[in-house]
């Protein structure tokens, strides 16, 4: 099931000007190979960082 995200929320998280510049770097505006790789890599790295942060917070609660 897709999650509906408000436009205001997207504006707070995503810099549209920067995202548009990334899209402009694609050679093929349909395939979007360049930009999709950047965006997917960003989300993968974000997931790793958030998991690491969650682990550290959990450790701090266990040790306190």
PDB file of N, CA and C in Angstrom:
ATOM      1  N   UNK A   1       0.833  -1.171   0.000  1.00  0.00           N
ATOM      2  CA  UNK A   1       0.000   0.000   0.000  1.00  0.00           C
ATOM      3  C   UNK A   1       0.889   1.250   0.000  1.00  0.00           C
ATOM      4  N   UNK A   2       0.613   2.178  -0.868  1.00  0.00           N
ATOM      5  CA  UNK A   2       1.402   3.407  -0.958  1.00  0.00           C
ATOM      6  C   UNK A   2       1.033   4.353   0.177  1.00  0.00           C
ATOM      7  N   UNK A   3       2.022   5.091   0.620  1.00  0.00           N
ATOM      8  CA  UNK A   3       1.807   6.069   1.677  1.00  0.00           C
ATOM      9  C   UNK A   3       1.639   7.442   1.045  1.00  0.00           C
ATOM     10  N   UNK A   4       0.601   8.143   1.446  1.00  0.00           N
ATOM     11  CA  UNK A   4       0.378   9.488   0.923  1.00  0.00           C
ATOM     12  C   UNK A   4       1.214  10.464   1.747  1.00  0.00           C
ATOM     13  N   UNK A   5       2.028  11.234   1.067  1.00  0.00           N
ATOM     14  CA  UNK A   5       2.905  12.194   1.722  1.00  0.00           C
ATOM     15  C   UNK A   5       2.486  13.592   1.296  1.00  0.00           C
ATOM     16  N   UNK A   6       2.357  14.473   2.269  1.00  0.00           N
ATOM     17  CA  UNK A   6       1.937  15.827   1.942  1.00  0.00           C
ATOM     18  C   UNK A   6       3.029  16.570   1.181  1.00  0.00           C
ATOM     19  N   UNK A   7       2.611  17.502   0.357  1.00  0.00           N
ATOM     20  CA  UNK A   7       3.566  18.291  -0.421  1.00  0.00           C
ATOM     21  C   UNK A   7       4.480  19.083   0.502  1.00  0.00           C
ATOM     22  N   UNK A   8       3.951  19.580   1.601  1.00  0.00           N
ATOM     23  CA  UNK A   8       4.744  20.337   2.562  1.00  0.00           C
ATOM     24  C   UNK A   8       5.845  19.468   3.162  1.00  0.00           C
ATOM     25  N   UNK A   9       5.509  18.214   3.458  1.00  0.00           N
ATOM     26  CA  UNK A   9       6.500  17.280   4.009  1.00  0.00           C
ATOM     27  C   UNK A   9       7.622  17.045   3.003  1.00  0.00           C
ATOM     28  N   UNK A  10       7.269  16.869   1.752  1.00  0.00           N
ATOM     29  CA  UNK A  10       8.272  16.646   0.711  1.00  0.00           C
ATOM     30  C   UNK A  10       9.183  17.858   0.597  1.00  0.00           C
ATOM     31  N   UNK A  11       8.633  19.040   0.651  1.00  0.00           N
ATOM     32  CA  UNK A  11       9.443  20.258   0.550  1.00  0.00           C
ATOM     33  C   UNK A  11      10.420  20.374   1.710  1.00  0.00           C
ATOM     34  N   UNK A  12      10.043  19.871   2.878  1.00  0.00           N
ATOM     35  CA  UNK A  12      10.925  19.927   4.040  1.00  0.00           C
ATOM     36  C   UNK A  12      12.075  18.935   3.920  1.00  0.00           C
ATOM     37  N   UNK A  13      11.873  17.855   3.200  1.00  0.00           N
ATOM     38  CA  UNK A  13      12.866  16.794   3.103  1.00  0.00           C
ATOM     39  C   UNK A  13      13.691  16.887   1.828  1.00  0.00           C
ATOM     40  N   UNK A  14      13.090  17.363   0.768  1.00  0.00           N
ATOM     41  CA  UNK A  14      13.703  17.326  -0.548  1.00  0.00           C
ATOM     42  C   UNK A  14      13.898  18.740  -1.091  1.00  0.00           C
ATOM     43  N   UNK A  15      15.108  19.031  -1.503  1.00  0.00           N
ATOM     44  CA  UNK A  15      15.377  20.313  -2.156  1.00  0.00           C
ATOM     45  C   UNK A  15      15.092  20.121  -3.645  1.00  0.00           C
ATOM     46  N   UNK A  16      13.953  20.613  -4.073  1.00  0.00           N
ATOM     47  CA  UNK A  16      13.488  20.391  -5.446  1.00  0.00           C
ATOM     48  C   UNK A  16      14.492  20.925  -6.470  1.00  0.00           C
ATOM     49  N   UNK A  17      15.120  22.066  -6.194  1.00  0.00           N
ATOM     50  CA  UNK A  17      16.092  22.621  -7.142  1.00  0.00           C
ATOM     51  C   UNK A  17      17.255  21.664  -7.358  1.00  0.00           C
ATOM     52  N   UNK A  18      17.752  21.094  -6.270  1.00  0.00           N
ATOM     53  CA  UNK A  18      18.860  20.146  -6.374  1.00  0.00           C
ATOM     54  C   UNK A  18      18.398  18.881  -7.100  1.00  0.00           C
ATOM     55  N   UNK A  19      17.215  18.403  -6.752  1.00  0.00           N
ATOM     56  CA  UNK A  19      16.688  17.198  -7.391  1.00  0.00           C
ATOM     57  C   UNK A  19      16.514  17.421  -8.898  1.00  0.00           C
ATOM     58  N   UNK A  20      16.011  18.571  -9.284  1.00  0.00           N
ATOM     59  CA  UNK A  20      15.867  18.894 -10.713  1.00  0.00           C
ATOM     60  C   UNK A  20      17.223  18.910 -11.419  1.00  0.00           C
ATOM     61  N   UNK A  21      18.246  19.419 -10.738  1.00  0.00           N
ATOM     62  CA  UNK A  21      19.590  19.435 -11.327  1.00  0.00           C
ATOM     63  C   UNK A  21      20.121  18.019 -11.525  1.00  0.00           C
ATOM     64  N   UNK A  22      19.831  17.154 -10.575  1.00  0.00           N
ATOM     65  CA  UNK A  22      20.246  15.759 -10.722  1.00  0.00           C
ATOM     66  C   UNK A  22      19.533  15.126 -11.912  1.00  0.00           C
ATOM     67  N   UNK A  23      18.235  15.388 -12.053  1.00  0.00           N
ATOM     68  CA  UNK A  23      17.469  14.847 -13.179  1.00  0.00           C
ATOM     69  C   UNK A  23      18.008  15.347 -14.520  1.00  0.00           C
ATOM     70  N   UNK A  24      18.474  16.574 -14.554  1.00  0.00           N
ATOM     71  CA  UNK A  24      19.013  17.149 -15.792  1.00  0.00           C
ATOM     72  C   UNK A  24      20.280  16.426 -16.259  1.00  0.00           C
ATOM     73  N   UNK A  25      20.960  15.742 -15.357  1.00  0.00           N
ATOM     74  CA  UNK A  25      22.194  15.038 -15.712  1.00  0.00           C
ATOM     75  C   UNK A  25      21.938  13.720 -16.443  1.00  0.00           C
ATOM     76  N   UNK A  26      20.708  13.266 -16.437  1.00  0.00           N
ATOM     77  CA  UNK A  26      20.377  12.022 -17.137  1.00  0.00           C
ATOM     78  C   UNK A  26      20.486  12.205 -18.637  1.00  0.00           C
ATOM     79  N   UNK A  27      21.099  11.232 -19.286  1.00  0.00           N
ATOM     80  CA  UNK A  27      21.163  11.257 -20.745  1.00  0.00           C
ATOM     81  C   UNK A  27      19.818  10.880 -21.351  1.00  0.00           C
ATOM     82  N   UNK A  28      19.129   9.959 -20.690  1.00  0.00           N
ATOM     83  CA  UNK A  28      17.829   9.492 -21.169  1.00  0.00           C
ATOM     84  C   UNK A  28      16.761   9.870 -20.139  1.00  0.00           C
ATOM     85  N   UNK A  29      15.911  10.842 -20.475  1.00  0.00           N
ATOM     86  CA  UNK A  29      14.915  11.303 -19.508  1.00  0.00           C
ATOM     87  C   UNK A  29      13.836  10.268 -19.182  1.00  0.00           C
ATOM     88  N   UNK A  30      13.801   9.170 -19.931  1.00  0.00           N
ATOM     89  CA  UNK A  30      12.826   8.125 -19.647  1.00  0.00           C
ATOM     90  C   UNK A  30      13.432   7.079 -18.700  1.00  0.00           C
ATOM     91  N   UNK A  31      14.640   6.629 -19.007  1.00  0.00           N
ATOM     92  CA  UNK A  31      15.289   5.596 -18.193  1.00  0.00           C
ATOM     93  C   UNK A  31      15.794   6.138 -16.853  1.00  0.00           C
ATOM     94  N   UNK A  32      16.307   7.360 -16.865  1.00  0.00           N
ATOM     95  CA  UNK A  32      16.807   8.015 -15.642  1.00  0.00           C
ATOM     96  C   UNK A  32      17.836   7.160 -14.903  1.00  0.00           C
ATOM     97  N   UNK A  33      18.740   6.535 -15.656  1.00  0.00           N
ATOM     98  CA  UNK A  33      19.728   5.654 -15.039  1.00  0.00           C
ATOM     99  C   UNK A  33      20.629   6.380 -14.051  1.00  0.00           C
ATOM    100  N   UNK A  34      21.119   7.550 -14.425  1.00  0.00           N
ATOM    101  CA  UNK A  34      22.042   8.295 -13.566  1.00  0.00           C
ATOM    102  C   UNK A  34      21.360   8.736 -12.278  1.00  0.00           C
ATOM    103  N   UNK A  35      20.245   9.426 -12.414  1.00  0.00           N
ATOM    104  CA  UNK A  35      19.584   9.971 -11.222  1.00  0.00           C
ATOM    105  C   UNK A  35      19.013   8.876 -10.331  1.00  0.00           C
ATOM    106  N   UNK A  36      18.480   7.822 -10.930  1.00  0.00           N
ATOM    107  CA  UNK A  36      17.906   6.762 -10.097  1.00  0.00           C
ATOM    108  C   UNK A  36      18.991   6.087  -9.262  1.00  0.00           C
ATOM    109  N   UNK A  37      20.179   5.918  -9.834  1.00  0.00           N
ATOM    110  CA  UNK A  37      21.277   5.322  -9.068  1.00  0.00           C
ATOM    111  C   UNK A  37      21.652   6.215  -7.881  1.00  0.00           C
ATOM    112  N   UNK A  38      21.712   7.505  -8.102  1.00  0.00           N
ATOM    113  CA  UNK A  38      22.047   8.437  -7.018  1.00  0.00           C
ATOM    114  C   UNK A  38      20.983   8.391  -5.933  1.00  0.00           C
ATOM    115  N   UNK A  39      19.735   8.441  -6.326  1.00  0.00           N
ATOM    116  CA  UNK A  39      18.638   8.471  -5.350  1.00  0.00           C
ATOM    117  C   UNK A  39      18.570   7.158  -4.572  1.00  0.00           C
ATOM    118  N   UNK A  40      18.671   6.024  -5.266  1.00  0.00           N
ATOM    119  CA  UNK A  40      18.620   4.743  -4.566  1.00  0.00           C
ATOM    120  C   UNK A  40      19.811   4.583  -3.628  1.00  0.00           C
ATOM    121  N   UNK A  41      20.980   5.022  -4.039  1.00  0.00           N
ATOM    122  CA  UNK A  41      22.170   4.959  -3.179  1.00  0.00           C
ATOM    123  C   UNK A  41      21.979   5.825  -1.941  1.00  0.00           C
ATOM    124  N   UNK A  42      21.386   6.992  -2.125  1.00  0.00           N
ATOM    125  CA  UNK A  42      21.118   7.883  -1.002  1.00  0.00           C
ATOM    126  C   UNK A  42      20.206   7.202   0.015  1.00  0.00           C
ATOM    127  N   UNK A  43      19.131   6.583  -0.471  1.00  0.00           N
ATOM    128  CA  UNK A  43      18.196   5.921   0.444  1.00  0.00           C
ATOM    129  C   UNK A  43      18.820   4.713   1.129  1.00  0.00           C
ATOM    130  N   UNK A  44      19.633   3.964   0.412  1.00  0.00           N
ATOM    131  CA  UNK A  44      20.314   2.827   1.022  1.00  0.00           C
ATOM    132  C   UNK A  44      21.249   3.293   2.136  1.00  0.00           C
ATOM    133  N   UNK A  45      22.007   4.338   1.863  1.00  0.00           N
ATOM    134  CA  UNK A  45      22.929   4.871   2.873  1.00  0.00           C
ATOM    135  C   UNK A  45      22.156   5.444   4.060  1.00  0.00           C
ATOM    136  N   UNK A  46      21.056   6.099   3.784  1.00  0.00           N
ATOM    137  CA  UNK A  46      20.222   6.650   4.855  1.00  0.00           C
ATOM    138  C   UNK A  46      19.709   5.544   5.758  1.00  0.00           C
ATOM    139  N   UNK A  47      19.268   4.440   5.179  1.00  0.00           N
ATOM    140  CA  UNK A  47      18.784   3.315   5.978  1.00  0.00           C
ATOM    141  C   UNK A  47      19.889   2.769   6.872  1.00  0.00           C
ATOM    142  N   UNK A  48      21.105   2.676   6.355  1.00  0.00           N
ATOM    143  CA  UNK A  48      22.233   2.183   7.146  1.00  0.00           C
ATOM    144  C   UNK A  48      22.533   3.128   8.312  1.00  0.00           C
ATOM    145  N   UNK A  49      22.526   4.419   8.028  1.00  0.00           N
ATOM    146  CA  UNK A  49      22.826   5.398   9.074  1.00  0.00           C
ATOM    147  C   UNK A  49      21.746   5.381  10.150  1.00  0.00           C
ATOM    148  N   UNK A  50      20.498   5.328   9.740  1.00  0.00           N
ATOM    149  CA  UNK A  50      19.407   5.301  10.721  1.00  0.00           C
ATOM    150  C   UNK A  50      19.454   4.025  11.564  1.00  0.00           C
ATOM    151  N   UNK A  51      19.764   2.902  10.958  1.00  0.00           N
ATOM    152  CA  UNK A  51      19.883   1.653  11.715  1.00  0.00           C
ATOM    153  C   UNK A  51      21.022   1.746  12.725  1.00  0.00           C
ATOM    154  N   UNK A  52      22.129   2.333  12.303  1.00  0.00           N
ATOM    155  CA  UNK A  52      23.269   2.510  13.199  1.00  0.00           C
ATOM    156  C   UNK A  52      22.908   3.438  14.363  1.00  0.00           C
ATOM    157  N   UNK A  53      22.203   4.504  14.062  1.00  0.00           N
ATOM    158  CA  UNK A  53      21.796   5.436  15.110  1.00  0.00           C
ATOM    159  C   UNK A  53      20.839   4.761  16.090  1.00  0.00           C
ATOM    160  N   UNK A  54      19.908   3.987  15.556  1.00  0.00           N
ATOM    161  CA  UNK A  54      18.957   3.280  16.413  1.00  0.00           C
ATOM    162  C   UNK A  54      19.687   2.293  17.328  1.00  0.00           C
ATOM    163  N   UNK A  55      20.677   1.603  16.780  1.00  0.00           N
ATOM    164  CA  UNK A  55      21.465   0.662  17.567  1.00  0.00           C
ATOM    165  C   UNK A  55      22.192   1.373  18.706  1.00  0.00           C
ATOM    166  N   UNK A  56      22.775   2.522  18.406  1.00  0.00           N
ATOM    167  CA  UNK A  56      23.506   3.282  19.441  1.00  0.00           C
ATOM    168  C   UNK A  56      22.566   3.803  20.511  1.00  0.00           C
ATOM    169  N   UNK A  57      21.390   4.245  20.124  1.00  0.00           N
ATOM    170  CA  UNK A  57      20.405   4.724  21.110  1.00  0.00           C
ATOM    171  C   UNK A  57      19.972   3.555  22.005  1.00  0.00           C
ATOM    172  N   UNK A  58      19.731   2.408  21.389  1.00  0.00           N
ATOM    173  CA  UNK A  58      19.345   1.227  22.157  1.00  0.00           C
ATOM    174  C   UNK A  58      20.446   0.849  23.151  1.00  0.00           C
ATOM    175  N   UNK A  59      21.695   0.879  22.690  1.00  0.00           N
ATOM    176  CA  UNK A  59      22.818   0.564  23.588  1.00  0.00           C
ATOM    177  C   UNK A  59      22.884   1.540  24.743  1.00  0.00           C
ATOM    178  N   UNK A  60      22.643   2.810  24.476  1.00  0.00           N
ATOM    179  CA  UNK A  60      22.725   3.815  25.546  1.00  0.00           C
ATOM    180  C   UNK A  60      21.634   3.600  26.587  1.00  0.00           C
ATOM    181  N   UNK A  61      20.447   3.128  26.170  1.00  0.00           N
ATOM    182  CA  UNK A  61      19.390   2.848  27.126  1.00  0.00           C
ATOM    183  C   UNK A  61      19.707   1.595  27.943  1.00  0.00           C
ATOM    184  N   UNK A  62      20.335   0.601  27.334  1.00  0.00           N
ATOM    185  CA  UNK A  62      20.686  -0.631  28.016  1.00  0.00           C
ATOM    186  C   UNK A  62      21.751  -0.367  29.071  1.00  0.00           C
ATOM    187  N   UNK A  63      22.685   0.530  28.765  1.00  0.00           N
ATOM    188  CA  UNK A  63      23.805   0.808  29.652  1.00  0.00           C
ATOM    189  C   UNK A  63      23.483   1.883  30.701  1.00  0.00           C
ATOM    190  N   UNK A  64      22.311   2.458  30.665  1.00  0.00           N
ATOM    191  CA  UNK A  64      22.010   3.508  31.652  1.00  0.00           C
ATOM    192  C   UNK A  64      21.166   3.004  32.790  1.00  0.00           C
TER     193      UNK A  64
END
